[in-house]
Amino acid sequence: MKKGIHPENYRLVAFKDMSNEDVFITKSTAETKETLEVDGVEYPVIKLEISRTSHPYYTGKSKLVDTAGRIDKFKNKYAKFKK
């Protein structure tokens, strides 16, 4: 590996899947201002829309996650064409 191109500030971070509330701890350099307590220890938290515990490829289940309201936006946009 080349010297001096990799970040030095790796630390333990909690990643939280917002679709199923799963939390896992791993090292990261991602910046965040929020924290989360896990097993009595406070970690910086990164919120995810989807992770290995909710992705259909890994779970084998098809699941609709509409956190941004995309379906409602679509229905409202095309409601005027409804007869």
N, C-alpha and C. Protein backbone atom coordinates (compact mmCIF):
# COMPACT_ATOMS: atom_id res chain seq x y z
N MET A 1 0.83 -1.18 0.00
CA MET A 1 0.00 0.00 0.00
C MET A 1 0.87 1.24 0.00
N LYS A 2 0.36 2.28 -0.61
CA LYS A 2 1.08 3.55 -0.62
C LYS A 2 0.99 4.19 0.76
N LYS A 3 2.02 4.83 1.17
CA LYS A 3 2.07 5.51 2.46
C LYS A 3 1.40 6.88 2.35
N GLY A 4 0.69 7.28 3.41
CA GLY A 4 0.14 8.63 3.50
C GLY A 4 -1.15 8.90 2.76
N ILE A 5 -1.79 7.90 2.15
CA ILE A 5 -3.03 8.16 1.42
C ILE A 5 -4.27 7.66 2.17
N HIS A 6 -4.06 6.88 3.23
CA HIS A 6 -5.18 6.33 3.97
C HIS A 6 -5.44 7.14 5.24
N PRO A 7 -6.71 7.32 5.62
CA PRO A 7 -7.02 8.10 6.83
C PRO A 7 -6.45 7.42 8.08
N GLU A 8 -6.13 8.24 9.05
CA GLU A 8 -5.58 7.73 10.31
C GLU A 8 -6.62 7.74 11.42
N ASN A 9 -7.77 8.36 11.20
CA ASN A 9 -8.73 8.56 12.28
C ASN A 9 -9.84 7.51 12.34
N TYR A 10 -9.50 6.23 12.18
CA TYR A 10 -10.50 5.17 12.30
C TYR A 10 -10.93 5.05 13.75
N ARG A 11 -12.23 4.87 13.96
CA ARG A 11 -12.76 4.68 15.31
C ARG A 11 -13.98 3.79 15.21
N LEU A 12 -14.43 3.25 16.34
CA LEU A 12 -15.63 2.42 16.34
C LEU A 12 -16.86 3.30 16.16
N VAL A 13 -17.74 2.89 15.26
CA VAL A 13 -18.96 3.63 14.93
C VAL A 13 -20.13 2.65 14.90
N ALA A 14 -21.29 3.08 15.39
CA ALA A 14 -22.51 2.28 15.32
C ALA A 14 -23.25 2.65 14.04
N PHE A 15 -23.60 1.65 13.25
CA PHE A 15 -24.41 1.84 12.05
C PHE A 15 -25.80 1.30 12.37
N LYS A 16 -26.84 2.15 12.16
CA LYS A 16 -28.21 1.77 12.51
C LYS A 16 -29.07 1.72 11.25
N ASP A 17 -29.65 0.55 11.00
CA ASP A 17 -30.57 0.37 9.88
C ASP A 17 -31.93 0.91 10.31
N MET A 18 -32.39 1.98 9.67
CA MET A 18 -33.63 2.63 10.08
C MET A 18 -34.88 1.84 9.69
N SER A 19 -34.77 0.88 8.78
CA SER A 19 -35.95 0.13 8.37
C SER A 19 -36.29 -0.99 9.34
N ASN A 20 -35.30 -1.49 10.10
CA ASN A 20 -35.60 -2.56 11.07
C ASN A 20 -34.91 -2.37 12.42
N GLU A 21 -34.29 -1.20 12.63
CA GLU A 21 -33.67 -0.84 13.91
C GLU A 21 -32.46 -1.70 14.28
N ASP A 22 -31.89 -2.45 13.33
CA ASP A 22 -30.70 -3.25 13.61
C ASP A 22 -29.50 -2.32 13.77
N VAL A 23 -28.61 -2.64 14.72
CA VAL A 23 -27.42 -1.83 14.96
C VAL A 23 -26.21 -2.75 14.93
N PHE A 24 -25.16 -2.33 14.21
CA PHE A 24 -23.90 -3.07 14.26
C PHE A 24 -22.75 -2.09 14.40
N ILE A 25 -21.68 -2.56 15.03
CA ILE A 25 -20.52 -1.73 15.34
C ILE A 25 -19.36 -2.15 14.44
N THR A 26 -18.71 -1.17 13.84
CA THR A 26 -17.53 -1.42 13.02
C THR A 26 -16.67 -0.16 13.00
N LYS A 27 -15.48 -0.27 12.47
CA LYS A 27 -14.60 0.89 12.39
C LYS A 27 -14.93 1.71 11.15
N SER A 28 -14.84 3.05 11.28
CA SER A 28 -15.14 3.94 10.18
C SER A 28 -14.48 5.29 10.42
N THR A 29 -14.36 6.06 9.34
CA THR A 29 -13.87 7.44 9.44
C THR A 29 -15.00 8.43 9.15
N ALA A 30 -16.22 7.93 8.91
CA ALA A 30 -17.35 8.78 8.58
C ALA A 30 -17.65 9.74 9.72
N GLU A 31 -17.92 11.00 9.38
CA GLU A 31 -18.21 12.03 10.38
C GLU A 31 -19.71 12.06 10.71
N THR A 32 -20.02 12.25 11.98
CA THR A 32 -21.40 12.39 12.42
C THR A 32 -21.42 13.14 13.74
N LYS A 33 -22.53 13.83 14.00
CA LYS A 33 -22.68 14.56 15.26
C LYS A 33 -23.58 13.80 16.24
N GLU A 34 -24.31 12.80 15.74
CA GLU A 34 -25.23 12.04 16.58
C GLU A 34 -24.50 10.90 17.27
N THR A 35 -25.01 10.49 18.44
CA THR A 35 -24.45 9.36 19.16
C THR A 35 -25.55 8.39 19.56
N LEU A 36 -25.14 7.17 19.88
CA LEU A 36 -26.08 6.12 20.27
C LEU A 36 -25.40 5.26 21.33
N GLU A 37 -26.13 4.91 22.38
CA GLU A 37 -25.56 4.06 23.42
C GLU A 37 -25.88 2.61 23.10
N VAL A 38 -24.84 1.78 23.05
CA VAL A 38 -24.98 0.35 22.79
C VAL A 38 -24.22 -0.39 23.88
N ASP A 39 -24.93 -1.21 24.65
CA ASP A 39 -24.33 -1.99 25.74
C ASP A 39 -23.57 -1.11 26.72
N GLY A 40 -24.11 0.06 27.03
CA GLY A 40 -23.51 0.96 28.00
C GLY A 40 -22.37 1.81 27.48
N VAL A 41 -22.04 1.70 26.20
CA VAL A 41 -20.96 2.49 25.60
C VAL A 41 -21.57 3.41 24.55
N GLU A 42 -21.16 4.67 24.54
CA GLU A 42 -21.69 5.63 23.59
C GLU A 42 -20.81 5.68 22.34
N TYR A 43 -21.43 5.51 21.17
CA TYR A 43 -20.73 5.51 19.89
C TYR A 43 -21.32 6.59 18.98
N PRO A 44 -20.51 7.14 18.07
CA PRO A 44 -21.09 7.97 17.00
C PRO A 44 -21.98 7.05 16.16
N VAL A 45 -23.10 7.56 15.64
CA VAL A 45 -24.03 6.70 14.89
C VAL A 45 -24.20 7.22 13.47
N ILE A 46 -24.21 6.30 12.51
CA ILE A 46 -24.50 6.57 11.11
C ILE A 46 -25.81 5.84 10.80
N LYS A 47 -26.81 6.58 10.29
CA LYS A 47 -28.10 5.99 9.98
C LYS A 47 -28.13 5.52 8.53
N LEU A 48 -28.60 4.29 8.33
CA LEU A 48 -28.68 3.68 7.00
C LEU A 48 -30.13 3.43 6.63
N GLU A 49 -30.43 3.52 5.35
CA GLU A 49 -31.77 3.18 4.87
C GLU A 49 -31.92 1.67 4.72
N ILE A 50 -30.84 1.00 4.38
CA ILE A 50 -30.88 -0.44 4.14
C ILE A 50 -29.52 -1.04 4.46
N SER A 51 -29.51 -2.24 5.02
CA SER A 51 -28.27 -2.92 5.36
C SER A 51 -28.41 -4.41 5.06
N ARG A 52 -27.44 -5.18 5.50
CA ARG A 52 -27.48 -6.62 5.23
C ARG A 52 -28.66 -7.32 5.90
N THR A 53 -29.20 -6.72 6.97
CA THR A 53 -30.32 -7.34 7.67
C THR A 53 -31.68 -6.99 7.08
N SER A 54 -31.73 -6.05 6.13
CA SER A 54 -33.01 -5.68 5.53
C SER A 54 -33.00 -5.75 4.01
N HIS A 55 -31.85 -5.98 3.40
CA HIS A 55 -31.77 -6.03 1.93
C HIS A 55 -32.34 -7.35 1.42
N PRO A 56 -33.22 -7.30 0.43
CA PRO A 56 -33.84 -8.52 -0.09
C PRO A 56 -32.84 -9.58 -0.57
N TYR A 57 -31.70 -9.17 -1.07
CA TYR A 57 -30.71 -10.13 -1.55
C TYR A 57 -30.21 -11.01 -0.40
N TYR A 58 -29.99 -10.43 0.75
CA TYR A 58 -29.46 -11.18 1.89
C TYR A 58 -30.55 -11.86 2.70
N THR A 59 -31.75 -11.28 2.76
CA THR A 59 -32.82 -11.85 3.57
C THR A 59 -33.66 -12.87 2.80
N GLY A 60 -33.66 -12.77 1.47
CA GLY A 60 -34.49 -13.66 0.67
C GLY A 60 -35.95 -13.25 0.64
N LYS A 61 -36.26 -12.11 1.23
CA LYS A 61 -37.64 -11.62 1.26
C LYS A 61 -37.71 -10.30 0.52
N SER A 62 -38.79 -10.13 -0.22
CA SER A 62 -39.01 -8.87 -0.90
C SER A 62 -39.78 -7.97 0.06
N LYS A 63 -39.29 -6.76 0.27
CA LYS A 63 -39.91 -5.85 1.23
C LYS A 63 -39.87 -4.44 0.65
N LEU A 64 -40.99 -3.75 0.74
CA LEU A 64 -41.08 -2.38 0.25
C LEU A 64 -40.68 -1.42 1.36
N VAL A 65 -39.65 -0.63 1.11
CA VAL A 65 -39.23 0.39 2.06
C VAL A 65 -39.41 1.73 1.37
N ASP A 66 -40.39 2.51 1.82
CA ASP A 66 -40.70 3.79 1.19
C ASP A 66 -40.50 4.91 2.21
N THR A 67 -39.25 5.19 2.53
CA THR A 67 -38.96 6.19 3.55
C THR A 67 -39.09 7.61 3.02
N ALA A 68 -38.95 7.79 1.72
CA ALA A 68 -38.98 9.14 1.16
C ALA A 68 -40.37 9.52 0.63
N GLY A 69 -41.36 8.63 0.74
CA GLY A 69 -42.70 8.94 0.26
C GLY A 69 -42.80 8.94 -1.25
N ARG A 70 -41.97 8.17 -1.92
CA ARG A 70 -41.93 8.16 -3.39
C ARG A 70 -43.23 7.66 -3.99
N ILE A 71 -43.86 6.69 -3.35
CA ILE A 71 -45.11 6.15 -3.89
C ILE A 71 -46.21 7.22 -3.83
N ASP A 72 -46.29 7.92 -2.70
CA ASP A 72 -47.30 8.99 -2.57
C ASP A 72 -47.05 10.11 -3.57
N LYS A 73 -45.79 10.47 -3.77
CA LYS A 73 -45.46 11.51 -4.76
C LYS A 73 -45.91 11.09 -6.15
N PHE A 74 -45.67 9.83 -6.50
CA PHE A 74 -46.06 9.32 -7.81
C PHE A 74 -47.58 9.36 -7.96
N LYS A 75 -48.30 8.88 -6.94
CA LYS A 75 -49.77 8.86 -7.01
C LYS A 75 -50.34 10.27 -7.14
N ASN A 76 -49.79 11.21 -6.38
CA ASN A 76 -50.27 12.60 -6.46
C ASN A 76 -49.98 13.21 -7.82
N LYS A 77 -48.83 12.92 -8.36
CA LYS A 77 -48.42 13.49 -9.66
C LYS A 77 -49.34 13.03 -10.78
N TYR A 78 -49.71 11.74 -10.76
CA TYR A 78 -50.50 11.19 -11.86
C TYR A 78 -51.99 11.05 -11.54
N ALA A 79 -52.44 11.57 -10.42
CA ALA A 79 -53.86 11.52 -10.06
C ALA A 79 -54.72 12.32 -11.04
N LYS A 80 -54.15 13.37 -11.60
CA LYS A 80 -54.93 14.21 -12.53
C LYS A 80 -55.29 13.49 -13.83
N PHE A 81 -54.58 12.42 -14.16
CA PHE A 81 -54.88 11.65 -15.38
C PHE A 81 -55.90 10.55 -15.14
N LYS A 82 -56.27 10.35 -13.88
CA LYS A 82 -57.23 9.31 -13.52
C LYS A 82 -58.61 9.71 -14.02
N LYS A 83 -59.36 8.77 -14.56
CA LYS A 83 -60.70 9.06 -15.07
C LYS A 83 -61.77 8.69 -14.10
